[in-house]
Amino acid sequence: MSQSKRDQVISHIRYLRQELREMHLSINEDDLFPDPSELRGIMAQLEALLELVEGNTKIQSNSEAA
């Protein structure tokens, strides 16, 4: 994985971890569930991360097959 892709993945993961940590604390401390829009945002971020990783994996596997 190129360094810029790696940095993008690391950035996505750090953001997602922070958001999920905040949601978890909110649920544990206040018994408040996150807004559906917050959950949709996290899901969109996870999908973007998956596309980033899968796109890179497909490129590597195609080059390895050649």
N, C-alpha and C. Protein backbone atom coordinates (compact mmCIF):
# COMPACT_ATOMS: atom_id res chain seq x y z
N MET A 1 0.85 -1.17 0.00
CA MET A 1 0.00 0.00 0.00
C MET A 1 0.90 1.23 0.00
N SER A 2 0.59 2.18 -0.87
CA SER A 2 1.42 3.37 -0.92
C SER A 2 1.27 4.17 0.37
N GLN A 3 2.25 5.02 0.60
CA GLN A 3 2.25 5.78 1.85
C GLN A 3 1.04 6.69 1.97
N SER A 4 0.63 7.33 0.86
CA SER A 4 -0.52 8.23 0.94
C SER A 4 -1.81 7.45 1.23
N LYS A 5 -1.96 6.28 0.63
CA LYS A 5 -3.13 5.44 0.93
C LYS A 5 -3.10 4.99 2.37
N ARG A 6 -1.94 4.62 2.84
CA ARG A 6 -1.79 4.19 4.23
C ARG A 6 -2.16 5.33 5.16
N ASP A 7 -1.73 6.53 4.85
CA ASP A 7 -2.07 7.69 5.68
C ASP A 7 -3.57 7.96 5.66
N GLN A 8 -4.20 7.77 4.51
CA GLN A 8 -5.65 7.96 4.41
C GLN A 8 -6.37 6.93 5.27
N VAL A 9 -5.94 5.68 5.20
CA VAL A 9 -6.57 4.62 5.99
C VAL A 9 -6.39 4.90 7.48
N ILE A 10 -5.20 5.27 7.88
CA ILE A 10 -4.93 5.58 9.28
C ILE A 10 -5.81 6.73 9.75
N SER A 11 -5.94 7.76 8.93
CA SER A 11 -6.77 8.91 9.27
C SER A 11 -8.23 8.50 9.43
N HIS A 12 -8.73 7.69 8.49
CA HIS A 12 -10.12 7.21 8.59
C HIS A 12 -10.33 6.41 9.87
N ILE A 13 -9.42 5.51 10.16
CA ILE A 13 -9.57 4.66 11.35
C ILE A 13 -9.53 5.48 12.62
N ARG A 14 -8.63 6.45 12.70
CA ARG A 14 -8.56 7.30 13.90
C ARG A 14 -9.85 8.08 14.09
N TYR A 15 -10.38 8.63 13.00
CA TYR A 15 -11.63 9.37 13.08
C TYR A 15 -12.76 8.46 13.55
N LEU A 16 -12.87 7.29 12.96
CA LEU A 16 -13.93 6.35 13.31
C LEU A 16 -13.81 5.89 14.75
N ARG A 17 -12.60 5.61 15.21
CA ARG A 17 -12.41 5.19 16.60
C ARG A 17 -12.87 6.26 17.56
N GLN A 18 -12.54 7.52 17.25
CA GLN A 18 -12.94 8.63 18.13
C GLN A 18 -14.45 8.78 18.15
N GLU A 19 -15.08 8.73 16.98
CA GLU A 19 -16.53 8.86 16.92
C GLU A 19 -17.21 7.72 17.67
N LEU A 20 -16.75 6.50 17.47
CA LEU A 20 -17.35 5.36 18.15
C LEU A 20 -17.11 5.40 19.65
N ARG A 21 -15.95 5.88 20.05
CA ARG A 21 -15.65 6.02 21.49
C ARG A 21 -16.61 7.01 22.13
N GLU A 22 -16.87 8.13 21.44
CA GLU A 22 -17.80 9.13 21.97
C GLU A 22 -19.21 8.57 22.07
N MET A 23 -19.63 7.82 21.06
CA MET A 23 -20.95 7.20 21.09
C MET A 23 -21.06 6.20 22.24
N HIS A 24 -20.02 5.43 22.44
CA HIS A 24 -20.01 4.43 23.50
C HIS A 24 -20.12 5.10 24.87
N LEU A 25 -19.35 6.16 25.07
CA LEU A 25 -19.43 6.88 26.34
C LEU A 25 -20.81 7.48 26.56
N SER A 26 -21.39 8.01 25.50
CA SER A 26 -22.72 8.59 25.61
C SER A 26 -23.75 7.54 26.01
N ILE A 27 -23.63 6.37 25.44
CA ILE A 27 -24.56 5.29 25.77
C ILE A 27 -24.35 4.82 27.21
N ASN A 28 -23.11 4.64 27.60
CA ASN A 28 -22.81 4.14 28.95
C ASN A 28 -23.13 5.15 30.04
N GLU A 29 -22.78 6.41 29.83
CA GLU A 29 -22.94 7.40 30.89
C GLU A 29 -24.36 7.97 30.96
N ASP A 30 -24.95 8.24 29.81
CA ASP A 30 -26.22 8.97 29.79
C ASP A 30 -27.40 8.12 29.32
N ASP A 31 -27.12 6.90 28.95
CA ASP A 31 -28.16 6.03 28.38
C ASP A 31 -28.84 6.68 27.18
N LEU A 32 -28.07 7.45 26.43
CA LEU A 32 -28.58 8.10 25.24
C LEU A 32 -28.01 7.41 24.00
N PHE A 33 -28.90 7.05 23.11
CA PHE A 33 -28.44 6.45 21.87
C PHE A 33 -28.16 7.55 20.85
N PRO A 34 -27.21 7.33 19.96
CA PRO A 34 -26.88 8.36 18.97
C PRO A 34 -28.02 8.58 17.99
N ASP A 35 -28.03 9.76 17.39
CA ASP A 35 -29.01 10.05 16.34
C ASP A 35 -28.79 9.11 15.16
N PRO A 36 -29.84 8.76 14.47
CA PRO A 36 -29.68 7.92 13.27
C PRO A 36 -28.75 8.56 12.24
N SER A 37 -28.76 9.89 12.16
CA SER A 37 -27.88 10.56 11.19
C SER A 37 -26.41 10.35 11.55
N GLU A 38 -26.11 10.30 12.85
CA GLU A 38 -24.74 10.02 13.29
C GLU A 38 -24.32 8.62 12.87
N LEU A 39 -25.24 7.68 13.06
CA LEU A 39 -24.94 6.30 12.68
C LEU A 39 -24.76 6.18 11.17
N ARG A 40 -25.61 6.88 10.41
CA ARG A 40 -25.46 6.86 8.95
C ARG A 40 -24.10 7.44 8.54
N GLY A 41 -23.67 8.48 9.23
CA GLY A 41 -22.37 9.08 8.93
C GLY A 41 -21.23 8.11 9.19
N ILE A 42 -21.30 7.40 10.29
CA ILE A 42 -20.27 6.40 10.61
C ILE A 42 -20.28 5.29 9.57
N MET A 43 -21.48 4.84 9.20
CA MET A 43 -21.58 3.79 8.18
C MET A 43 -21.00 4.25 6.85
N ALA A 44 -21.24 5.51 6.49
CA ALA A 44 -20.68 6.04 5.25
C ALA A 44 -19.16 6.08 5.32
N GLN A 45 -18.62 6.46 6.47
CA GLN A 45 -17.17 6.47 6.64
C GLN A 45 -16.59 5.06 6.54
N LEU A 46 -17.27 4.09 7.14
CA LEU A 46 -16.81 2.71 7.06
C LEU A 46 -16.84 2.20 5.62
N GLU A 47 -17.89 2.54 4.88
CA GLU A 47 -17.98 2.14 3.49
C GLU A 47 -16.87 2.78 2.66
N ALA A 48 -16.57 4.06 2.92
CA ALA A 48 -15.49 4.74 2.20
C ALA A 48 -14.15 4.08 2.51
N LEU A 49 -13.96 3.71 3.76
CA LEU A 49 -12.72 3.04 4.15
C LEU A 49 -12.61 1.68 3.47
N LEU A 50 -13.70 0.94 3.44
CA LEU A 50 -13.71 -0.36 2.78
C LEU A 50 -13.40 -0.23 1.30
N GLU A 51 -13.99 0.75 0.63
CA GLU A 51 -13.71 0.97 -0.79
C GLU A 51 -12.25 1.32 -1.00
N LEU A 52 -11.70 2.13 -0.13
CA LEU A 52 -10.30 2.51 -0.24
C LEU A 52 -9.40 1.29 -0.11
N VAL A 53 -9.69 0.45 0.87
CA VAL A 53 -8.86 -0.74 1.10
C VAL A 53 -9.09 -1.78 0.00
N GLU A 54 -10.35 -2.03 -0.38
CA GLU A 54 -10.63 -3.01 -1.41
C GLU A 54 -10.08 -2.59 -2.75
N GLY A 55 -10.17 -1.31 -3.07
CA GLY A 55 -9.62 -0.82 -4.34
C GLY A 55 -8.13 -1.08 -4.42
N ASN A 56 -7.43 -0.87 -3.34
CA ASN A 56 -6.00 -1.11 -3.30
C ASN A 56 -5.70 -2.60 -3.37
N THR A 57 -6.50 -3.43 -2.72
CA THR A 57 -6.29 -4.87 -2.72
C THR A 57 -6.48 -5.43 -4.12
N LYS A 58 -7.51 -4.95 -4.84
CA LYS A 58 -7.77 -5.43 -6.18
C LYS A 58 -6.62 -5.08 -7.11
N ILE A 59 -6.07 -3.89 -6.95
CA ILE A 59 -4.95 -3.47 -7.79
C ILE A 59 -3.74 -4.36 -7.51
N GLN A 60 -3.46 -4.64 -6.24
CA GLN A 60 -2.32 -5.49 -5.89
C GLN A 60 -2.52 -6.89 -6.41
N SER A 61 -3.71 -7.47 -6.27
CA SER A 61 -3.92 -8.84 -6.71
C SER A 61 -3.85 -8.93 -8.22
N ASN A 62 -4.27 -7.91 -8.96
CA ASN A 62 -4.16 -7.92 -10.41
C ASN A 62 -2.71 -7.84 -10.83
N SER A 63 -1.91 -7.04 -10.15
CA SER A 63 -0.50 -6.93 -10.52
C SER A 63 0.27 -8.18 -10.16
N GLU A 64 -0.15 -8.88 -9.08
CA GLU A 64 0.50 -10.11 -8.70
C GLU A 64 0.20 -11.22 -9.69
N ALA A 65 -1.00 -11.19 -10.29
CA ALA A 65 -1.40 -12.21 -11.25
C ALA A 65 -0.64 -12.08 -12.56
N ALA A 66 -0.16 -10.87 -12.86
CA ALA A 66 0.54 -10.65 -14.14
C ALA A 66 1.92 -11.22 -14.16
